[in-house]
Amino acid sequence: MKISNPILPGFNPDPSIVRVGDDYYIATSTFEWYPGVQIHHSRDLKNWRLVTRPLTRAAQLDMRGDPDSGGVWAPCLSHADGQFWLIYTDMKRRDGAWKDSHNYLVTAPTIDGPWSDRITLNSSGFDPSLFHDADGRKWLLNMIWNHNKQGGDRFGGIVIQEYDVAAQRLVGEVRNIYRGTDHKLVEGPHLYRRDGWYYLLTAEGGTGYDHAVTMARSRDLFGPYETDPAKHVLTAKDTAPDHLLQRAGHADIVETQTGEHFMVHLCSRPLPETRTELTGAGIHADDVRRSPLGRETAIQRLVWEDGAFPRLAHGGVAPAVEIDGPDLPEAPVETIPPHRTFEDGLPPEFQWLRTPEHARLFSTTERPGALRIFGRESPGSQFEHALVARRQDALAFAAETEIALTPGDYQHFAGLIAWYGRNKFHYLAVTADEDGARVLTIYSCAADWPDARIDYPIAPVPLPGIGPVRLGCDVDGPTLRFRYALGDGDWTDAGVTLDQSAISDEAGNGPGNNFTGAFVGICAHDTSGRGRYADFLSFTYEARHG
């Protein structure tokens, strides 16, 4: 069985993997998207299905006010003592000298729950990880943030502290066990015990094109930890720009029931048009490459011999595009159908932004068969933004929806949106002009950092006063074109080509500051504060491969 990378395409970063019997689970970061933490399931490490997002209520997660690319960072999923343990960060502030990174724990008897209310752990840094030692004691690791350090590297090392299960709190001394290498920015710790050694897996170099996986080990839990002589187990930083998988780092390791070892890690696939050979003074990869799909999850086969550090089975440290899978039978999963309706609620691939009070944003019952979205705050609001969307998981796709909206005035608008964040979106909207007549328009913010200037690339298109309108978009790598139709009529091109490469990690202020990925979805806005709605009758998303 061959496995092609990535195994979780589209925005699925910071993978944490665990095996329970014959079942494998990967938890990935969701940042400001609600519900929090995606968990996929597989029985063969090749075919994966989204099974749950466990952080579903305010007692576990409330991200209202969190910045773009804040919220849920780097979850760690483990299984011990007959239950699942999920550690995660809610990043409340992520810019400047300080970070407000609150770390929490929830547990559940099965992956489907019920998941507990959160237990507060600490706020000293991010990327928390729970290690279950052989003697039954439990230890929390996280990177520690040092706001007093000058310059770009405020990553103060990896700290460890004991977690008291009965008391539901951290106890004892906080010890700094590893400060990383000269590659700097040490984070993403995971700890394993093997052959009398404690192996500490970390990420270094930041989550851009210098990202890397570094391992160290010690005979004692508290160190000192000796860095792998090879330094990096995995990195794409020295590959050519045309290598498919870039930005490889932030990894975790799993052992199969057949005794094989695999490493999951994040990566990105820049658009082919932006995989430029970089020449000339002052040109940097981050200024050229664009990755709308965000940071994805890939897998590598490891060779881990007794008494040695693990190595990639195919040799070297660069990630492989295709690997030999485990000695397990292939277990295919059902694919998501392209056409979605809302008779049975919100389809599971969809999420919304920040708030646990989703009933204020949308309803699938007020108009049977439709998704009613209540217009709340403006595009880019960090509190109540009524946007429901799914991940872009292919470089080319088509999306369509049908909207029923009679706007009250120009402050009431709704439609189809390609979205990354408040500074990166393209929005085909039904609204009204100053005379109250219904029109179609486009709002575009193509990574204009930090001003978030809105462009209006077309003149408003007059629409009939009543009746549904079909909205569509076609994305082909770095370009997006919108289209529309009335009733069952033919499609009309909106007449403008937009920069879809701007809907990416790198666009704007660079990949080290943007951590999610492109979404496409539907939304409603009412900046008058009256909560006027739009009804969406269906949504279609179809990837176009090759």
Protein backbone atom coordinates (compact mmCIF):
# COMPACT_ATOMS: atom_id res chain seq x y z
CA MET A 1 0.00 0.00 0.00
CA LYS A 2 1.35 3.40 -1.04
CA ILE A 3 0.38 6.60 0.76
CA SER A 4 0.45 9.93 -1.05
CA ASN A 5 1.01 13.16 0.83
CA PRO A 6 -0.63 15.12 2.26
CA ILE A 7 -2.98 12.74 4.06
CA LEU A 8 -5.13 15.61 5.43
CA PRO A 9 -5.29 18.15 2.58
CA GLY A 10 -6.20 21.76 3.24
CA PHE A 11 -5.87 23.61 6.54
CA ASN A 12 -4.96 20.84 9.04
CA PRO A 13 -1.76 21.85 10.87
CA ASP A 14 0.13 20.78 14.02
CA PRO A 15 -0.89 17.09 13.94
CA SER A 16 -0.96 15.02 17.11
CA ILE A 17 -1.45 11.30 16.53
CA VAL A 18 -2.48 8.46 18.85
CA ARG A 19 -3.26 4.78 18.32
CA VAL A 20 -5.92 3.04 20.40
CA GLY A 21 -5.98 -0.65 19.49
CA ASP A 22 -6.49 -0.78 15.73
CA ASP A 23 -7.73 2.81 15.50
CA TYR A 24 -5.66 5.90 14.72
CA TYR A 25 -6.66 9.46 15.52
CA ILE A 26 -5.08 12.76 14.47
CA ALA A 27 -5.95 16.04 16.19
CA THR A 28 -5.13 19.28 14.36
CA SER A 29 -5.31 22.98 15.15
CA THR A 30 -8.42 24.98 14.27
CA PHE A 31 -7.35 28.47 15.45
CA GLU A 32 -10.35 30.87 15.36
CA TRP A 33 -12.72 28.35 13.72
CA TYR A 34 -15.49 26.79 15.83
CA PRO A 35 -16.03 24.08 17.07
CA GLY A 36 -12.44 23.63 18.20
CA VAL A 37 -9.91 20.91 17.24
CA GLN A 38 -10.43 18.62 14.28
CA ILE A 39 -10.06 14.90 14.97
CA HIS A 40 -9.75 12.49 12.06
CA HIS A 41 -9.88 8.69 12.27
CA SER A 42 -8.19 5.99 10.21
CA ARG A 43 -7.47 2.27 10.39
CA ASP A 44 -4.69 2.24 7.79
CA LEU A 45 -2.90 5.65 8.09
CA LYS A 46 -3.89 6.37 4.47
CA ASN A 47 -7.63 6.98 4.47
CA TRP A 48 -8.95 9.49 7.00
CA ARG A 49 -12.42 10.66 8.02
CA LEU A 50 -13.37 13.63 10.19
CA VAL A 51 -15.12 12.15 13.23
CA THR A 52 -15.47 14.98 15.74
CA ARG A 53 -14.63 18.48 16.86
CA PRO A 54 -14.83 18.09 20.65
CA LEU A 55 -14.71 21.74 21.82
CA THR A 56 -18.34 22.66 21.31
CA ARG A 57 -19.45 24.87 24.20
CA ALA A 58 -18.39 27.91 26.17
CA ALA A 59 -17.28 25.81 29.16
CA GLN A 60 -14.57 24.42 26.87
CA LEU A 61 -13.85 27.26 24.44
CA ASP A 62 -15.00 30.83 23.83
CA MET A 63 -12.91 32.70 21.25
CA ARG A 64 -14.90 35.90 20.90
CA GLY A 65 -12.31 38.66 20.60
CA ASP A 66 -9.48 36.32 19.60
CA PRO A 67 -7.38 37.66 16.69
CA ASP A 68 -7.06 36.05 13.30
CA SER A 69 -4.79 33.01 13.66
CA GLY A 70 -5.37 33.11 17.41
CA GLY A 71 -7.62 30.66 19.22
CA VAL A 72 -6.83 26.93 19.28
CA TRP A 73 -3.12 26.27 18.76
CA ALA A 74 -1.41 22.87 18.59
CA PRO A 75 -3.63 20.36 20.42
CA CYS A 76 -2.17 17.18 21.88
CA LEU A 77 -4.35 14.06 21.86
CA SER A 78 -3.37 11.04 23.98
CA HIS A 79 -5.01 7.97 25.48
CA ALA A 80 -4.31 6.53 28.93
CA ASP A 81 -6.19 5.09 31.90
CA GLY A 82 -9.13 4.16 29.69
CA GLN A 83 -9.83 7.65 28.40
CA PHE A 84 -8.79 10.29 25.89
CA TRP A 85 -6.87 13.37 27.04
CA LEU A 86 -6.90 16.51 24.90
CA ILE A 87 -4.60 19.44 25.69
CA TYR A 88 -4.92 22.71 23.76
CA THR A 89 -4.08 26.41 23.82
CA ASP A 90 -6.55 29.28 23.42
CA MET A 91 -4.31 32.11 22.15
CA LYS A 92 -5.92 35.40 23.16
CA ARG A 93 -3.07 37.69 22.10
CA ARG A 94 -0.38 36.75 19.61
CA ASP A 95 1.33 39.98 18.52
CA GLY A 96 4.12 42.02 20.09
CA ALA A 97 6.28 41.18 23.08
CA TRP A 98 3.55 39.36 25.06
CA LYS A 99 1.36 36.37 24.33
CA ASP A 100 -1.74 35.41 26.30
CA SER A 101 -1.75 31.65 25.75
CA HIS A 102 -4.11 29.79 28.08
CA ASN A 103 -3.63 26.02 28.19
CA TYR A 104 -6.48 23.65 29.02
CA LEU A 105 -7.30 19.96 29.39
CA VAL A 106 -10.50 18.07 28.53
CA THR A 107 -11.10 14.32 28.75
CA ALA A 108 -13.60 11.78 27.37
CA PRO A 109 -14.24 8.03 27.67
CA THR A 110 -14.56 7.68 23.88
CA ILE A 111 -13.54 9.86 20.96
CA ASP A 112 -17.20 10.79 20.48
CA GLY A 113 -17.44 12.03 24.05
CA PRO A 114 -18.92 13.21 26.20
CA TRP A 115 -15.99 15.59 26.55
CA SER A 116 -15.56 17.25 29.94
CA ASP A 117 -15.49 20.93 30.77
CA ARG A 118 -12.01 22.36 30.56
CA ILE A 119 -9.43 22.28 33.35
CA THR A 120 -7.08 25.27 33.41
CA LEU A 121 -3.40 24.28 33.35
CA ASN A 122 -1.14 27.31 32.78
CA SER A 123 -0.52 30.27 30.50
CA SER A 124 3.28 30.29 30.34
CA GLY A 125 3.59 29.41 26.67
CA PHE A 126 1.98 27.40 23.90
CA ASP A 127 2.18 23.97 22.24
CA PRO A 128 1.27 22.04 25.41
CA SER A 129 1.70 18.25 25.43
CA LEU A 130 0.79 15.63 28.03
CA PHE A 131 3.24 12.76 28.65
CA HIS A 132 2.01 9.64 30.46
CA ASP A 133 5.05 7.98 32.04
CA ALA A 134 5.34 4.26 32.71
CA ASP A 135 4.94 4.78 36.48
CA GLY A 136 1.52 6.40 35.98
CA ARG A 137 2.64 9.96 36.62
CA LYS A 138 1.69 12.62 34.10
CA TRP A 139 3.76 15.54 32.90
CA LEU A 140 2.82 18.68 30.98
CA LEU A 141 5.35 20.08 28.55
CA ASN A 142 5.12 23.36 26.70
CA MET A 143 7.38 25.96 25.18
CA ILE A 144 7.83 28.95 27.50
CA TRP A 145 7.49 32.50 26.21
CA ASN A 146 10.16 34.98 27.33
CA HIS A 147 8.92 38.50 26.66
CA ASN A 148 12.15 40.04 28.02
CA LYS A 149 14.31 38.66 25.21
CA GLN A 150 15.16 41.23 22.58
CA GLY A 151 14.85 40.44 18.89
CA GLY A 152 12.77 37.81 17.18
CA ASP A 153 13.47 34.74 19.34
CA ARG A 154 11.43 34.89 22.54
CA PHE A 155 11.12 31.09 22.63
CA GLY A 156 12.58 30.35 26.05
CA GLY A 157 12.85 26.55 25.84
CA ILE A 158 10.75 23.50 26.71
CA VAL A 159 9.47 23.31 30.29
CA ILE A 160 7.96 20.39 32.17
CA GLN A 161 5.74 20.19 35.26
CA GLU A 162 3.78 17.38 36.87
CA TYR A 163 0.01 17.16 36.49
CA ASP A 164 -1.89 15.87 39.53
CA VAL A 165 -4.94 13.99 38.23
CA ALA A 166 -6.78 13.90 41.56
CA ALA A 167 -6.24 17.59 42.27
CA GLN A 168 -6.79 18.53 38.59
CA ARG A 169 -3.89 20.96 38.59
CA LEU A 170 -0.17 21.27 37.98
CA VAL A 171 2.07 20.65 40.98
CA GLY A 172 5.75 20.80 41.82
CA GLU A 173 8.67 22.54 40.21
CA VAL A 174 8.70 23.92 36.68
CA ARG A 175 11.92 22.75 34.98
CA ASN A 176 13.37 23.99 31.70
CA ILE A 177 14.67 20.78 30.11
CA TYR A 178 15.66 21.84 26.58
CA ARG A 179 16.52 25.15 24.93
CA GLY A 180 16.85 23.88 21.37
CA THR A 181 19.67 24.39 18.88
CA ASP A 182 21.08 27.34 16.99
CA HIS A 183 18.18 26.94 14.57
CA LYS A 184 16.13 28.66 17.32
CA LEU A 185 12.40 29.02 17.97
CA VAL A 186 12.06 25.68 19.76
CA GLU A 187 8.42 24.61 20.24
CA GLY A 188 6.00 21.73 19.62
CA PRO A 189 7.31 19.23 22.22
CA HIS A 190 6.30 15.57 22.33
CA LEU A 191 7.94 13.10 24.71
CA TYR A 192 8.37 9.32 24.24
CA ARG A 193 9.97 6.63 26.37
CA ARG A 194 11.93 3.92 24.55
CA ASP A 195 14.76 1.54 25.47
CA GLY A 196 15.51 3.36 28.70
CA TRP A 197 15.66 6.76 26.98
CA TYR A 198 13.33 9.75 27.04
CA TYR A 199 13.12 11.06 23.47
CA LEU A 200 12.01 14.68 23.09
CA LEU A 201 10.67 15.66 19.67
CA THR A 202 10.48 19.40 18.97
CA ALA A 203 9.88 21.86 16.14
CA GLU A 204 12.34 24.63 15.33
CA GLY A 205 12.90 27.45 12.86
CA GLY A 206 9.38 28.88 12.93
CA THR A 207 6.46 27.63 10.88
CA GLY A 208 7.70 29.13 7.59
CA TYR A 209 10.15 27.82 5.04
CA ASP A 210 12.86 27.21 7.66
CA HIS A 211 10.64 24.88 9.70
CA ALA A 212 12.28 21.68 10.99
CA VAL A 213 11.88 18.73 13.35
CA THR A 214 14.64 18.28 15.93
CA MET A 215 15.02 15.45 18.44
CA ALA A 216 16.98 15.14 21.69
CA ARG A 217 17.17 12.42 24.33
CA SER A 218 18.10 11.81 27.96
CA ARG A 219 18.27 8.92 30.41
CA ASP A 220 16.54 11.18 32.95
CA LEU A 221 13.16 12.83 32.50
CA PHE A 222 14.56 16.20 33.51
CA GLY A 223 17.68 15.99 31.36
CA PRO A 224 20.18 16.99 30.32
CA TYR A 225 18.93 16.27 26.80
CA GLU A 226 21.47 15.50 24.08
CA THR A 227 20.52 16.74 20.61
CA ASP A 228 20.49 14.23 17.78
CA PRO A 229 23.90 14.43 16.03
CA ALA A 230 22.03 14.78 12.74
CA LYS A 231 20.21 17.77 14.31
CA HIS A 232 17.07 17.60 12.16
CA VAL A 233 15.02 14.46 11.63
CA LEU A 234 12.87 16.22 9.04
CA THR A 235 13.00 19.54 7.20
CA ALA A 236 12.32 20.94 3.74
CA LYS A 237 14.35 24.10 4.30
CA ASP A 238 17.20 22.93 2.05
CA THR A 239 15.07 21.53 -0.77
CA ALA A 240 14.61 23.22 -4.13
CA PRO A 241 11.62 25.56 -4.46
CA ASP A 242 9.91 23.08 -6.79
CA HIS A 243 9.81 20.32 -4.15
CA LEU A 244 6.11 19.63 -3.59
CA LEU A 245 6.13 19.60 0.24
CA GLN A 246 7.54 22.70 1.92
CA ARG A 247 7.59 24.12 5.47
CA ALA A 248 7.83 20.61 6.98
CA GLY A 249 7.85 20.54 10.77
CA HIS A 250 5.81 20.21 13.98
CA ALA A 251 5.64 16.42 14.12
CA ASP A 252 4.45 13.50 16.22
CA ILE A 253 5.27 9.78 16.12
CA VAL A 254 3.06 6.69 16.31
CA GLU A 255 3.90 2.99 16.51
CA THR A 256 1.56 0.61 14.69
CA GLN A 257 0.23 -2.63 16.09
CA THR A 258 2.70 -4.31 13.71
CA GLY A 259 5.71 -2.56 15.28
CA GLU A 260 6.28 -0.01 12.49
CA HIS A 261 6.88 3.70 13.15
CA PHE A 262 5.45 6.69 11.32
CA MET A 263 5.80 10.43 11.77
CA VAL A 264 2.99 12.87 10.97
CA HIS A 265 3.95 16.49 10.37
CA LEU A 266 2.69 19.72 8.94
CA CYS A 267 3.70 20.91 5.49
CA SER A 268 2.45 23.22 2.74
CA ARG A 269 2.14 23.05 -1.04
CA PRO A 270 2.82 26.44 -2.61
CA LEU A 271 1.06 27.16 -5.88
CA PRO A 272 3.13 25.89 -8.83
CA GLU A 273 3.08 29.39 -10.30
CA THR A 274 4.88 30.69 -7.21
CA ARG A 275 7.56 27.97 -6.95
CA THR A 276 10.10 30.38 -8.35
CA GLU A 277 13.83 29.84 -8.39
CA LEU A 278 14.92 32.68 -6.16
CA THR A 279 17.65 34.89 -7.51
CA GLY A 280 18.82 38.40 -6.85
CA ALA A 281 19.64 40.33 -3.72
CA GLY A 282 16.87 40.82 -1.22
CA ILE A 283 14.48 38.21 -2.64
CA HIS A 284 13.17 35.77 -0.04
CA ALA A 285 10.99 32.70 -0.47
CA ASP A 286 8.28 34.13 1.74
CA ASP A 287 7.86 37.05 -0.69
CA VAL A 288 7.27 34.75 -3.65
CA ARG A 289 5.55 31.51 -2.67
CA ARG A 290 1.84 31.37 -1.85
CA SER A 291 0.01 28.47 -0.16
CA PRO A 292 -3.80 28.94 -0.17
CA LEU A 293 -4.31 25.44 1.23
CA GLY A 294 -2.46 26.50 4.36
CA ARG A 295 -0.50 24.05 6.44
CA GLU A 296 -1.55 20.46 5.80
CA THR A 297 -0.76 17.11 7.44
CA ALA A 298 1.64 14.64 5.83
CA ILE A 299 3.14 11.33 6.97
CA GLN A 300 6.60 9.75 6.74
CA ARG A 301 7.79 6.20 7.42
CA LEU A 302 10.48 6.01 10.11
CA VAL A 303 13.25 3.56 10.85
CA TRP A 304 13.81 3.50 14.61
CA GLU A 305 16.41 0.99 15.67
CA ASP A 306 17.11 0.16 19.31
CA GLY A 307 19.45 2.65 20.95
CA ALA A 308 19.37 5.04 17.99
CA PHE A 309 17.61 8.18 16.91
CA PRO A 310 14.87 7.64 14.32
CA ARG A 311 15.50 8.34 10.64
CA LEU A 312 13.25 8.77 7.60
CA ALA A 313 12.99 5.40 5.91
CA HIS A 314 13.60 6.83 2.44
CA GLY A 315 16.83 8.52 3.55
CA GLY A 316 17.82 12.13 4.12
CA VAL A 317 15.65 14.64 5.94
CA ALA A 318 13.40 16.02 3.17
CA PRO A 319 9.76 14.90 3.27
CA ALA A 320 8.70 12.26 0.75
CA VAL A 321 5.67 12.84 -1.46
CA GLU A 322 4.83 9.12 -1.46
CA ILE A 323 5.72 6.47 1.12
CA ASP A 324 5.21 2.79 1.78
CA GLY A 325 2.26 2.41 4.10
CA PRO A 326 2.00 0.11 7.13
CA ASP A 327 1.52 -3.63 6.96
CA LEU A 328 -2.21 -3.24 7.43
CA PRO A 329 -5.23 -3.86 5.19
CA GLU A 330 -6.44 -0.78 3.36
CA ALA A 331 -9.61 0.69 4.88
CA PRO A 332 -11.32 3.18 2.52
CA VAL A 333 -13.70 5.80 3.90
CA GLU A 334 -16.71 7.56 2.43
CA THR A 335 -16.02 10.79 0.59
CA ILE A 336 -17.94 14.01 1.14
CA PRO A 337 -20.63 14.48 -1.51
CA PRO A 338 -20.19 17.71 -3.50
CA HIS A 339 -23.78 18.94 -3.23
CA ARG A 340 -25.01 19.77 0.27
CA THR A 341 -28.43 20.76 1.55
CA PHE A 342 -29.43 21.64 5.09
CA GLU A 343 -32.42 19.39 5.86
CA ASP A 344 -30.32 17.42 8.37
CA GLY A 345 -28.50 20.37 9.90
CA LEU A 346 -25.13 21.87 9.13
CA PRO A 347 -22.91 19.42 7.21
CA PRO A 348 -19.89 18.37 9.29
CA GLU A 349 -17.26 19.90 7.01
CA PHE A 350 -18.54 23.40 7.83
CA GLN A 351 -17.37 25.63 10.68
CA TRP A 352 -17.99 29.16 11.83
CA LEU A 353 -15.90 31.79 13.59
CA ARG A 354 -15.11 32.16 17.31
CA THR A 355 -18.43 32.06 19.13
CA PRO A 356 -20.00 29.14 21.04
CA GLU A 357 -23.42 30.82 20.57
CA HIS A 358 -23.97 29.60 17.03
CA ALA A 359 -27.76 30.07 17.27
CA ARG A 360 -27.11 33.80 17.02
CA LEU A 361 -25.35 33.23 13.69
CA PHE A 362 -27.46 30.63 11.88
CA SER A 363 -30.42 28.24 12.01
CA THR A 364 -31.36 25.15 10.01
CA THR A 365 -34.91 25.06 11.40
CA GLU A 366 -36.40 28.54 10.89
CA ARG A 367 -36.80 27.87 7.18
CA PRO A 368 -36.98 24.09 6.66
CA GLY A 369 -34.39 22.86 4.17
CA ALA A 370 -32.43 26.12 4.19
CA LEU A 371 -29.59 27.58 6.19
CA ARG A 372 -30.73 30.92 7.59
CA ILE A 373 -27.77 33.15 8.45
CA PHE A 374 -28.44 36.18 10.61
CA GLY A 375 -26.46 39.25 9.62
CA ARG A 376 -24.31 40.35 12.52
CA GLU A 377 -21.13 42.41 12.55
CA SER A 378 -19.00 43.44 9.59
CA PRO A 379 -16.57 41.20 7.67
CA GLY A 380 -13.53 40.79 9.86
CA SER A 381 -15.27 41.24 13.20
CA GLN A 382 -13.50 39.31 15.93
CA PHE A 383 -16.71 38.81 17.94
CA GLU A 384 -19.86 37.98 15.97
CA HIS A 385 -19.17 37.34 12.31
CA ALA A 386 -21.92 35.30 10.64
CA LEU A 387 -19.82 33.26 8.21
CA VAL A 388 -20.20 29.50 7.65
CA ALA A 389 -17.52 27.90 5.49
CA ARG A 390 -15.55 24.79 4.59
CA ARG A 391 -11.86 24.31 3.83
CA GLN A 392 -10.42 24.64 0.36
CA ASP A 393 -8.65 21.28 -0.04
CA ALA A 394 -7.63 21.38 -3.72
CA LEU A 395 -5.77 23.99 -5.75
CA ALA A 396 -8.68 24.15 -8.19
CA PHE A 397 -12.37 23.93 -7.33
CA ALA A 398 -15.84 25.24 -8.10
CA ALA A 399 -18.34 26.36 -5.45
CA GLU A 400 -21.98 27.37 -5.82
CA THR A 401 -24.86 28.43 -3.60
CA GLU A 402 -28.41 29.68 -4.02
CA ILE A 403 -29.46 32.64 -1.91
CA ALA A 404 -32.86 34.12 -1.10
CA LEU A 405 -32.41 37.70 0.10
CA THR A 406 -34.36 40.90 -0.24
CA PRO A 407 -32.00 43.41 1.35
CA GLY A 408 -33.55 46.18 3.41
CA ASP A 409 -30.79 48.63 2.49
CA TYR A 410 -27.08 48.76 1.66
CA GLN A 411 -26.09 47.85 5.23
CA HIS A 412 -27.68 44.44 4.69
CA PHE A 413 -25.67 42.11 2.42
CA ALA A 414 -24.96 38.40 2.02
CA GLY A 415 -23.45 35.93 -0.41
CA LEU A 416 -20.56 33.67 -1.37
CA ILE A 417 -17.09 34.30 0.04
CA ALA A 418 -13.51 33.06 -0.40
CA TRP A 419 -12.02 33.72 3.01
CA TYR A 420 -8.71 33.61 4.84
CA GLY A 421 -9.08 36.40 7.41
CA ARG A 422 -10.08 39.99 7.91
CA ASN A 423 -7.36 41.23 5.53
CA LYS A 424 -7.75 38.50 2.89
CA PHE A 425 -11.08 37.73 1.21
CA HIS A 426 -13.16 38.00 -1.97
CA TYR A 427 -16.92 38.38 -1.45
CA LEU A 428 -19.70 38.17 -4.06
CA ALA A 429 -22.63 39.83 -2.30
CA VAL A 430 -26.31 40.55 -2.87
CA THR A 431 -27.19 43.91 -1.34
CA ALA A 432 -29.03 47.17 -2.12
CA ASP A 433 -27.85 50.45 -3.57
CA GLU A 434 -28.52 53.84 -1.99
CA ASP A 435 -31.96 53.91 -3.60
CA GLY A 436 -32.88 50.53 -2.12
CA ALA A 437 -32.72 48.61 -5.40
CA ARG A 438 -31.29 45.09 -5.21
CA VAL A 439 -27.83 44.74 -6.73
CA LEU A 440 -24.89 42.36 -6.93
CA THR A 441 -21.41 43.57 -6.00
CA ILE A 442 -17.94 42.34 -5.08
CA TYR A 443 -15.97 43.34 -1.99
CA SER A 444 -12.30 42.38 -2.16
CA CYS A 445 -9.41 42.69 0.29
CA ALA A 446 -6.35 41.14 -1.32
CA ALA A 447 -3.90 40.93 1.59
CA ASP A 448 -3.68 44.69 2.03
CA TRP A 449 -1.74 44.65 5.29
CA PRO A 450 -2.34 46.21 7.78
CA ASP A 451 -4.93 48.66 6.46
CA ALA A 452 -7.55 46.14 5.26
CA ARG A 453 -8.53 48.42 2.38
CA ILE A 454 -11.65 47.19 0.58
CA ASP A 455 -11.70 47.29 -3.21
CA TYR A 456 -14.84 47.31 -5.36
CA PRO A 457 -13.66 45.63 -8.58
CA ILE A 458 -16.98 45.79 -10.47
CA ALA A 459 -19.80 48.28 -10.79
CA PRO A 460 -22.95 47.08 -9.00
CA VAL A 461 -25.06 44.77 -11.19
CA PRO A 462 -28.83 45.44 -11.09
CA LEU A 463 -30.93 42.44 -9.98
CA PRO A 464 -34.69 41.82 -10.02
CA GLY A 465 -36.30 42.96 -6.78
CA ILE A 466 -37.30 39.43 -5.74
CA GLY A 467 -36.37 35.84 -6.47
CA PRO A 468 -33.44 33.57 -5.63
CA VAL A 469 -29.99 34.23 -7.05
CA ARG A 470 -27.36 31.59 -7.72
CA LEU A 471 -23.79 32.55 -6.92
CA GLY A 472 -20.67 30.68 -8.00
CA CYS A 473 -16.91 30.88 -8.04
CA ASP A 474 -14.22 29.06 -9.98
CA VAL A 475 -10.74 28.86 -8.51
CA ASP A 476 -7.82 27.72 -10.61
CA GLY A 477 -4.58 28.00 -8.65
CA PRO A 478 -3.83 31.72 -8.23
CA THR A 479 -7.04 33.04 -9.82
CA LEU A 480 -10.70 33.31 -8.85
CA ARG A 481 -13.64 34.27 -11.03
CA PHE A 482 -17.15 34.85 -9.70
CA ARG A 483 -20.36 34.13 -11.64
CA TYR A 484 -24.10 34.50 -11.01
CA ALA A 485 -27.45 33.37 -12.41
CA LEU A 486 -31.09 34.23 -11.91
CA GLY A 487 -33.44 31.34 -11.17
CA ASP A 488 -32.70 28.51 -13.59
CA GLY A 489 -31.05 30.82 -16.10
CA ASP A 490 -27.56 30.57 -17.54
CA TRP A 491 -24.50 31.65 -15.64
CA THR A 492 -23.06 35.12 -16.22
CA ASP A 493 -19.40 35.81 -15.51
CA ALA A 494 -18.91 38.72 -13.10
CA GLY A 495 -16.27 40.11 -15.43
CA VAL A 496 -13.17 40.27 -13.24
CA THR A 497 -10.29 37.96 -12.33
CA LEU A 498 -9.24 38.16 -8.67
CA ASP A 499 -6.01 37.15 -6.94
CA GLN A 500 -6.72 33.89 -5.12
CA SER A 501 -3.04 33.63 -4.14
CA ALA A 502 -3.75 36.46 -1.71
CA ILE A 503 -6.01 34.03 0.18
CA SER A 504 -2.92 32.32 1.59
CA ASP A 505 -0.56 32.07 4.57
CA GLU A 506 2.25 34.04 2.96
CA ALA A 507 0.31 36.95 1.47
CA GLY A 508 0.31 40.13 3.50
CA ASN A 509 2.65 39.87 6.46
CA GLY A 510 4.20 36.45 5.84
CA PRO A 511 3.76 32.78 6.80
CA GLY A 512 5.12 33.24 10.32
CA ASN A 513 2.11 35.40 11.13
CA ASN A 514 -0.75 33.59 9.37
CA PHE A 515 -1.60 30.06 10.40
CA THR A 516 -4.91 28.94 8.91
CA GLY A 517 -5.82 28.43 5.24
CA ALA A 518 -8.36 29.28 2.56
CA PHE A 519 -12.06 28.62 3.13
CA VAL A 520 -15.04 29.04 0.85
CA GLY A 521 -18.50 29.57 2.24
CA ILE A 522 -21.59 31.66 2.75
CA CYS A 523 -22.22 34.62 5.01
CA ALA A 524 -24.58 37.44 5.93
CA HIS A 525 -23.90 40.89 7.37
CA ASP A 526 -26.08 43.61 8.80
CA THR A 527 -24.05 46.56 9.99
CA SER A 528 -27.23 48.33 11.14
CA GLY A 529 -27.36 45.96 14.12
CA ARG A 530 -30.84 44.66 13.30
CA GLY A 531 -29.76 41.07 12.59
CA ARG A 532 -31.53 40.81 9.24
CA TYR A 533 -31.01 37.44 7.61
CA ALA A 534 -30.38 35.67 4.33
CA ASP A 535 -31.51 32.16 3.42
CA PHE A 536 -29.19 29.76 1.61
CA LEU A 537 -30.90 26.83 -0.11
CA SER A 538 -27.87 24.69 -0.95
CA PHE A 539 -24.09 24.65 -1.26
CA THR A 540 -21.90 22.77 -3.73
CA TYR A 541 -18.14 22.32 -3.58
CA GLU A 542 -16.33 20.25 -6.19
CA ALA A 543 -12.56 19.83 -6.29
CA ARG A 544 -10.97 19.80 -9.73
CA HIS A 545 -7.86 17.62 -9.75
CA GLY A 546 -5.34 17.53 -12.57
